C-alpha atoms as a PDB file:
ATOM      1  CA  MET A   1      55.625 -40.569  48.108  1.00  0.00           C
ATOM      2  CA  LEU A   2      52.017 -39.828  47.259  1.00  0.00           C
ATOM      3  CA  PRO A   3      50.213 -42.102  44.776  1.00  0.00           C
ATOM      4  CA  PHE A   4      50.095 -40.677  41.256  1.00  0.00           C
ATOM      5  CA  SER A   5      48.074 -41.292  38.091  1.00  0.00           C
ATOM      6  CA  GLU A   6      49.173 -39.792  34.790  1.00  0.00           C
ATOM      7  CA  ALA A   7      45.632 -40.257  33.435  1.00  0.00           C
ATOM      8  CA  CYS A   8      44.248 -38.095  36.265  1.00  0.00           C
ATOM      9  CA  GLU A   9      46.675 -35.324  35.382  1.00  0.00           C
ATOM     10  CA  ARG A  10      45.631 -35.466  31.723  1.00  0.00           C
ATOM     11  CA  ASN A  11      41.883 -35.504  32.224  1.00  0.00           C
ATOM     12  CA  LYS A  12      41.342 -33.332  35.306  1.00  0.00           C
ATOM     13  CA  ARG A  13      41.098 -30.076  33.322  1.00  0.00           C
ATOM     14  CA  PRO A  14      38.412 -31.148  30.799  1.00  0.00           C
ATOM     15  CA  ILE A  15      36.445 -32.878  33.550  1.00  0.00           C
ATOM     16  CA  LEU A  16      36.592 -29.719  35.660  1.00  0.00           C
ATOM     17  CA  GLU A  17      35.177 -27.670  32.783  1.00  0.00           C
ATOM     18  CA  VAL A  18      32.051 -29.840  32.694  1.00  0.00           C
ATOM     19  CA  LEU A  19      31.769 -29.909  36.487  1.00  0.00           C
ATOM     20  CA  ALA A  20      32.047 -26.136  36.726  1.00  0.00           C
ATOM     21  CA  ALA A  21      29.329 -25.660  34.111  1.00  0.00           C
ATOM     22  CA  ASN A  22      26.914 -27.975  35.953  1.00  0.00           C
ATOM     23  CA  LEU A  23      27.778 -27.368  39.601  1.00  0.00           C
ATOM     24  CA  THR A  24      27.083 -23.695  40.108  1.00  0.00           C
ATOM     25  CA  SER A  25      25.303 -23.730  43.486  1.00  0.00           C
ATOM     26  CA  PRO A  26      26.678 -24.572  46.938  1.00  0.00           C
ATOM     27  CA  ALA A  27      26.359 -28.299  47.630  1.00  0.00           C
ATOM     28  CA  SER A  28      28.009 -31.303  49.189  1.00  0.00           C
ATOM     29  CA  ALA A  29      29.590 -33.647  46.637  1.00  0.00           C
ATOM     30  CA  LEU A  30      30.431 -37.311  47.129  1.00  0.00           C
ATOM     31  CA  GLU A  31      33.185 -38.640  44.879  1.00  0.00           C
ATOM     32  CA  ILE A  32      33.124 -42.431  44.513  1.00  0.00           C
ATOM     33  CA  GLY A  33      36.416 -44.138  43.694  1.00  0.00           C
ATOM     34  CA  SER A  34      38.722 -41.209  44.437  1.00  0.00           C
ATOM     35  CA  GLY A  35      41.874 -43.291  43.945  1.00  0.00           C
ATOM     36  CA  THR A  36      45.002 -41.178  44.201  1.00  0.00           C
ATOM     37  CA  GLY A  37      43.050 -38.087  45.276  1.00  0.00           C
ATOM     38  CA  GLN A  38      44.388 -35.943  42.421  1.00  0.00           C
ATOM     39  CA  HIS A  39      40.883 -35.266  41.111  1.00  0.00           C
ATOM     40  CA  ALA A  40      39.537 -34.522  44.573  1.00  0.00           C
ATOM     41  CA  VAL A  41      42.220 -31.953  45.328  1.00  0.00           C
ATOM     42  CA  HIS A  42      41.958 -30.282  41.902  1.00  0.00           C
ATOM     43  CA  PHE A  43      38.176 -30.064  41.868  1.00  0.00           C
ATOM     44  CA  ALA A  44      37.883 -28.872  45.468  1.00  0.00           C
ATOM     45  CA  ARG A  45      40.432 -26.117  44.813  1.00  0.00           C
ATOM     46  CA  HIS A  46      38.580 -24.859  41.738  1.00  0.00           C
ATOM     47  CA  LEU A  47      35.038 -25.329  43.055  1.00  0.00           C
ATOM     48  CA  PRO A  48      35.253 -23.663  46.481  1.00  0.00           C
ATOM     49  CA  HIS A  49      31.454 -23.424  46.774  1.00  0.00           C
ATOM     50  CA  LEU A  50      31.309 -27.227  47.076  1.00  0.00           C
ATOM     51  CA  VAL A  51      32.140 -29.403  50.054  1.00  0.00           C
ATOM     52  CA  TRP A  52      33.977 -32.301  48.392  1.00  0.00           C
ATOM     53  CA  GLN A  53      33.851 -35.714  50.066  1.00  0.00           C
ATOM     54  CA  PRO A  54      36.238 -38.286  48.551  1.00  0.00           C
ATOM     55  CA  SER A  55      35.760 -42.011  49.117  1.00  0.00           C
ATOM     56  CA  ASP A  56      37.194 -45.361  48.078  1.00  0.00           C
ATOM     57  CA  CYS A  57      37.691 -48.965  49.125  1.00  0.00           C
ATOM     58  CA  ALA A  58      39.873 -49.667  52.158  1.00  0.00           C
ATOM     59  CA  GLU A  59      42.948 -50.629  50.114  1.00  0.00           C
ATOM     60  CA  TYR A  60      43.250 -47.121  48.639  1.00  0.00           C
ATOM     61  CA  LEU A  61      42.491 -45.063  51.742  1.00  0.00           C
ATOM     62  CA  SER A  62      46.056 -44.721  53.010  1.00  0.00           C
ATOM     63  CA  GLY A  63      47.437 -42.966  49.928  1.00  0.00           C
ATOM     64  CA  LEU A  64      44.222 -41.029  49.390  1.00  0.00           C
ATOM     65  CA  SER A  65      44.226 -39.764  52.960  1.00  0.00           C
ATOM     66  CA  ALA A  66      47.878 -38.755  52.682  1.00  0.00           C
ATOM     67  CA  ARG A  67      47.198 -36.626  49.603  1.00  0.00           C
ATOM     68  CA  VAL A  68      44.153 -34.956  51.129  1.00  0.00           C
ATOM     69  CA  ALA A  69      46.114 -34.155  54.288  1.00  0.00           C
ATOM     70  CA  ALA A  70      49.082 -32.804  52.335  1.00  0.00           C
ATOM     71  CA  GLU A  71      47.344 -30.878  49.545  1.00  0.00           C
ATOM     72  CA  GLY A  72      43.643 -30.539  50.300  1.00  0.00           C
ATOM     73  CA  PRO A  73      41.952 -27.141  50.627  1.00  0.00           C
ATOM     74  CA  ALA A  74      39.538 -26.401  53.469  1.00  0.00           C
ATOM     75  CA  ASN A  75      36.477 -27.603  51.549  1.00  0.00           C
ATOM     76  CA  LEU A  76      37.975 -31.063  50.946  1.00  0.00           C
ATOM     77  CA  ARG A  77      37.012 -33.624  53.582  1.00  0.00           C
ATOM     78  CA  MET A  78      39.084 -36.597  54.687  1.00  0.00           C
ATOM     79  CA  PRO A  79      38.057 -39.688  52.705  1.00  0.00           C
ATOM     80  CA  LEU A  80      35.389 -42.178  53.641  1.00  0.00           C
ATOM     81  CA  GLU A  81      35.687 -45.921  53.203  1.00  0.00           C
ATOM     82  CA  LEU A  82      33.001 -46.913  50.713  1.00  0.00           C
ATOM     83  CA  ASP A  83      32.443 -50.290  49.097  1.00  0.00           C
ATOM     84  CA  VAL A  84      29.468 -49.691  46.801  1.00  0.00           C
ATOM     85  CA  ALA A  85      28.293 -53.281  47.246  1.00  0.00           C
ATOM     86  CA  VAL A  86      27.854 -52.826  51.015  1.00  0.00           C
ATOM     87  CA  ALA A  87      24.563 -51.048  51.680  1.00  0.00           C
ATOM     88  CA  ASP A  88      25.535 -49.962  55.203  1.00  0.00           C
ATOM     89  CA  ALA A  89      28.731 -48.308  53.921  1.00  0.00           C
ATOM     90  CA  TRP A  90      26.863 -45.564  52.066  1.00  0.00           C
ATOM     91  CA  PRO A  91      26.333 -42.128  53.649  1.00  0.00           C
ATOM     92  CA  SER A  92      22.867 -41.364  54.958  1.00  0.00           C
ATOM     93  CA  PRO A  93      20.194 -40.336  52.427  1.00  0.00           C
ATOM     94  CA  GLY A  94      20.266 -36.633  51.721  1.00  0.00           C
ATOM     95  CA  THR A  95      23.816 -36.178  53.020  1.00  0.00           C
ATOM     96  CA  HIS A  96      25.035 -35.146  49.557  1.00  0.00           C
ATOM     97  CA  GLY A  97      23.294 -33.327  46.731  1.00  0.00           C
ATOM     98  CA  LEU A  98      25.529 -34.664  43.994  1.00  0.00           C
ATOM     99  CA  VAL A  99      27.684 -37.665  43.197  1.00  0.00           C
ATOM    100  CA  PHE A 100      30.712 -37.824  40.890  1.00  0.00           C
ATOM    101  CA  SER A 101      32.705 -40.838  39.779  1.00  0.00           C
ATOM    102  CA  ALA A 102      35.474 -41.244  37.210  1.00  0.00           C
ATOM    103  CA  ASN A 103      36.705 -44.406  35.515  1.00  0.00           C
ATOM    104  CA  THR A 104      34.923 -46.802  37.849  1.00  0.00           C
ATOM    105  CA  LEU A 105      32.048 -48.539  36.044  1.00  0.00           C
ATOM    106  CA  HIS A 106      34.286 -50.415  33.608  1.00  0.00           C
ATOM    107  CA  ILE A 107      36.407 -51.915  36.390  1.00  0.00           C
ATOM    108  CA  MET A 108      33.389 -53.085  38.416  1.00  0.00           C
ATOM    109  CA  SER A 109      31.417 -56.271  37.870  1.00  0.00           C
ATOM    110  CA  TRP A 110      27.880 -55.715  36.584  1.00  0.00           C
ATOM    111  CA  PRO A 111      26.341 -56.582  40.001  1.00  0.00           C
ATOM    112  CA  MET A 112      28.581 -53.891  41.494  1.00  0.00           C
ATOM    113  CA  VAL A 113      27.405 -51.400  38.850  1.00  0.00           C
ATOM    114  CA  GLU A 114      23.835 -52.248  39.831  1.00  0.00           C
ATOM    115  CA  ALA A 115      24.731 -51.741  43.506  1.00  0.00           C
ATOM    116  CA  PHE A 116      26.386 -48.435  42.625  1.00  0.00           C
ATOM    117  CA  PHE A 117      23.208 -47.050  41.055  1.00  0.00           C
ATOM    118  CA  HIS A 118      20.990 -48.386  43.812  1.00  0.00           C
ATOM    119  CA  GLY A 119      23.202 -46.705  46.417  1.00  0.00           C
ATOM    120  CA  VAL A 120      23.223 -43.441  44.491  1.00  0.00           C
ATOM    121  CA  GLY A 121      19.446 -43.577  44.153  1.00  0.00           C
ATOM    122  CA  VAL A 122      18.956 -44.016  47.887  1.00  0.00           C
ATOM    123  CA  LEU A 123      21.491 -41.295  48.681  1.00  0.00           C
ATOM    124  CA  LEU A 124      20.025 -38.713  46.296  1.00  0.00           C
ATOM    125  CA  ALA A 125      16.337 -39.650  46.561  1.00  0.00           C
ATOM    126  CA  PRO A 126      15.415 -36.950  49.119  1.00  0.00           C
ATOM    127  CA  SER A 127      16.921 -34.203  46.933  1.00  0.00           C
ATOM    128  CA  ASP A 128      14.924 -33.189  43.857  1.00  0.00           C
ATOM    129  CA  GLY A 129      17.389 -31.774  41.341  1.00  0.00           C
ATOM    130  CA  ALA A 130      20.371 -33.695  42.746  1.00  0.00           C
ATOM    131  CA  LEU A 131      23.001 -34.655  40.168  1.00  0.00           C
ATOM    132  CA  LEU A 132      25.004 -37.733  39.222  1.00  0.00           C
ATOM    133  CA  LEU A 133      27.999 -37.200  36.943  1.00  0.00           C
ATOM    134  CA  ILE A 134      30.010 -40.132  35.612  1.00  0.00           C
ATOM    135  CA  TYR A 135      33.187 -39.911  33.543  1.00  0.00           C
ATOM    136  CA  GLY A 136      34.566 -42.773  31.491  1.00  0.00           C
ATOM    137  CA  PRO A 137      34.258 -44.752  28.252  1.00  0.00           C
ATOM    138  CA  PHE A 138      30.916 -46.164  27.065  1.00  0.00           C
ATOM    139  CA  ARG A 139      29.509 -48.163  24.182  1.00  0.00           C
ATOM    140  CA  TYR A 140      26.501 -46.953  22.183  1.00  0.00           C
ATOM    141  CA  ALA A 141      24.025 -49.449  20.716  1.00  0.00           C
ATOM    142  CA  GLY A 142      26.619 -52.117  21.445  1.00  0.00           C
ATOM    143  CA  LYS A 143      29.306 -50.345  19.422  1.00  0.00           C
ATOM    144  CA  TYR A 144      32.600 -48.838  20.556  1.00  0.00           C
ATOM    145  CA  THR A 145      33.260 -45.175  19.882  1.00  0.00           C
ATOM    146  CA  THR A 146      36.807 -45.904  18.702  1.00  0.00           C
ATOM    147  CA  PRO A 147      39.068 -48.895  17.903  1.00  0.00           C
ATOM    148  CA  SER A 148      41.219 -47.942  20.888  1.00  0.00           C
ATOM    149  CA  ASN A 149      38.223 -48.297  23.215  1.00  0.00           C
ATOM    150  CA  GLU A 150      37.525 -51.723  21.724  1.00  0.00           C
ATOM    151  CA  ALA A 151      41.121 -52.743  22.437  1.00  0.00           C
ATOM    152  CA  PHE A 152      40.863 -51.313  25.943  1.00  0.00           C
ATOM    153  CA  ASP A 153      37.690 -53.296  26.575  1.00  0.00           C
ATOM    154  CA  ARG A 154      39.348 -56.477  25.365  1.00  0.00           C
ATOM    155  CA  MET A 155      42.249 -55.883  27.741  1.00  0.00           C
ATOM    156  CA  LEU A 156      39.862 -55.279  30.648  1.00  0.00           C
ATOM    157  CA  ARG A 157      37.913 -58.493  29.991  1.00  0.00           C
ATOM    158  CA  GLU A 158      41.066 -60.554  29.578  1.00  0.00           C
ATOM    159  CA  ARG A 159      42.246 -59.303  32.962  1.00  0.00           C
ATOM    160  CA  ASP A 160      38.850 -59.714  34.626  1.00  0.00           C
ATOM    161  CA  PRO A 161      35.898 -61.167  32.661  1.00  0.00           C
ATOM    162  CA  ARG A 162      33.477 -59.413  35.023  1.00  0.00           C
ATOM    163  CA  SER A 163      34.710 -55.952  33.985  1.00  0.00           C
ATOM    164  CA  GLY A 164      34.438 -54.058  30.699  1.00  0.00           C
ATOM    165  CA  ILE A 165      33.161 -50.925  29.004  1.00  0.00           C
ATOM    166  CA  ARG A 166      29.443 -50.588  29.676  1.00  0.00           C
ATOM    167  CA  ASP A 167      26.593 -49.936  27.258  1.00  0.00           C
ATOM    168  CA  ILE A 168      25.171 -46.488  27.892  1.00  0.00           C
ATOM    169  CA  GLU A 169      21.632 -47.802  27.328  1.00  0.00           C
ATOM    170  CA  ALA A 170      21.992 -50.399  30.093  1.00  0.00           C
ATOM    171  CA  VAL A 171      23.547 -47.880  32.471  1.00  0.00           C
ATOM    172  CA  ASP A 172      20.857 -45.309  31.738  1.00  0.00           C
ATOM    173  CA  ALA A 173      18.213 -47.937  32.473  1.00  0.00           C
ATOM    174  CA  LEU A 174      19.745 -48.448  35.926  1.00  0.00           C
ATOM    175  CA  ALA A 175      19.727 -44.693  36.473  1.00  0.00           C
ATOM    176  CA  ALA A 176      16.097 -44.422  35.392  1.00  0.00           C
ATOM    177  CA  ARG A 177      15.060 -47.028  37.977  1.00  0.00           C
ATOM    178  CA  GLN A 178      16.415 -44.652  40.625  1.00  0.00           C
ATOM    179  CA  GLY A 179      14.512 -41.639  39.326  1.00  0.00           C
ATOM    180  CA  LEU A 180      17.560 -40.208  37.558  1.00  0.00           C
ATOM    181  CA  VAL A 181      16.925 -38.617  34.164  1.00  0.00           C
ATOM    182  CA  LEU A 182      19.663 -38.235  31.541  1.00  0.00           C
ATOM    183  CA  GLN A 183      20.441 -34.539  31.065  1.00  0.00           C
ATOM    184  CA  ALA A 184      23.649 -34.415  29.026  1.00  0.00           C
ATOM    185  CA  ASP A 185      26.295 -36.559  27.362  1.00  0.00           C
ATOM    186  CA  HIS A 186      29.552 -34.666  26.851  1.00  0.00           C
ATOM    187  CA  ALA A 187      32.303 -36.043  24.612  1.00  0.00           C
ATOM    188  CA  LEU A 188      35.679 -35.449  26.288  1.00  0.00           C
ATOM    189  CA  PRO A 189      39.274 -36.094  25.206  1.00  0.00           C
ATOM    190  CA  ALA A 190      40.783 -39.584  25.075  1.00  0.00           C
ATOM    191  CA  ASN A 191      37.508 -41.173  23.897  1.00  0.00           C
ATOM    192  CA  ASN A 192      35.694 -40.645  27.183  1.00  0.00           C
ATOM    193  CA  GLN A 193      32.304 -39.203  28.054  1.00  0.00           C
ATOM    194  CA  MET A 194      30.856 -37.228  30.928  1.00  0.00           C
ATOM    195  CA  ILE A 195      27.269 -38.303  31.515  1.00  0.00           C
ATOM    196  CA  VAL A 196      24.991 -36.101  33.618  1.00  0.00           C
ATOM    197  CA  TRP A 197      21.783 -37.334  35.273  1.00  0.00           C
ATOM    198  CA  ARG A 198      19.394 -35.276  37.388  1.00  0.00           C
ATOM    199  CA  GLN A 199      17.094 -36.581  40.110  1.00  0.00           C
ATOM    200  CA  GLY A 200      13.533 -35.747  39.060  1.00  0.00           C
ATOM    201  CA  GLY A 201      14.846 -34.066  35.923  1.00  0.00           C
ATOM    202  CA  VAL A 202      13.087 -33.470  32.587  1.00  0.00           C
ATOM    203  CA  PRO A 203      14.024 -35.901  29.764  1.00  0.00           C
END
């Protein structure tokens, strides 16, 4: 049986709407933290002008690979093993013109979030106009967008004190260090955001 996430089924349509509006030209996309592969399959099917490269840590590759093999369209590649904290695990600079990640920053430690943005910066640096799109919950000026997000954050920190919903200002500062400029902040269902940064963009 293939791995399955109910949350992926609920959010894949609104995420796709934002992706489709931003990703209009042919490109190679790296998805970080592809998990069950449901997003990868759905987005690759509906964005045939993109070459979609899923990736995740070693422990998730078996189920992810099985889904890609069973359901993936021709423009969906077999997954790569990628631990964001391992510099040598990242694809070569310029390999991909855009990076997408969903529901990952709040389950990483802050040093891993820093490694994530450093890796993205190195990967995208040769490509002026390259995009980074991140989906998930964020805090603004230290405040939660909803009581449910506050409860979710409390649950995350009780399970792992190193995790938690991130402040958008701190995350944007990491992006800025890599030459990524905030382009859009889309409010999506279930109290989540889709943040769009552009390499060499205009503030």
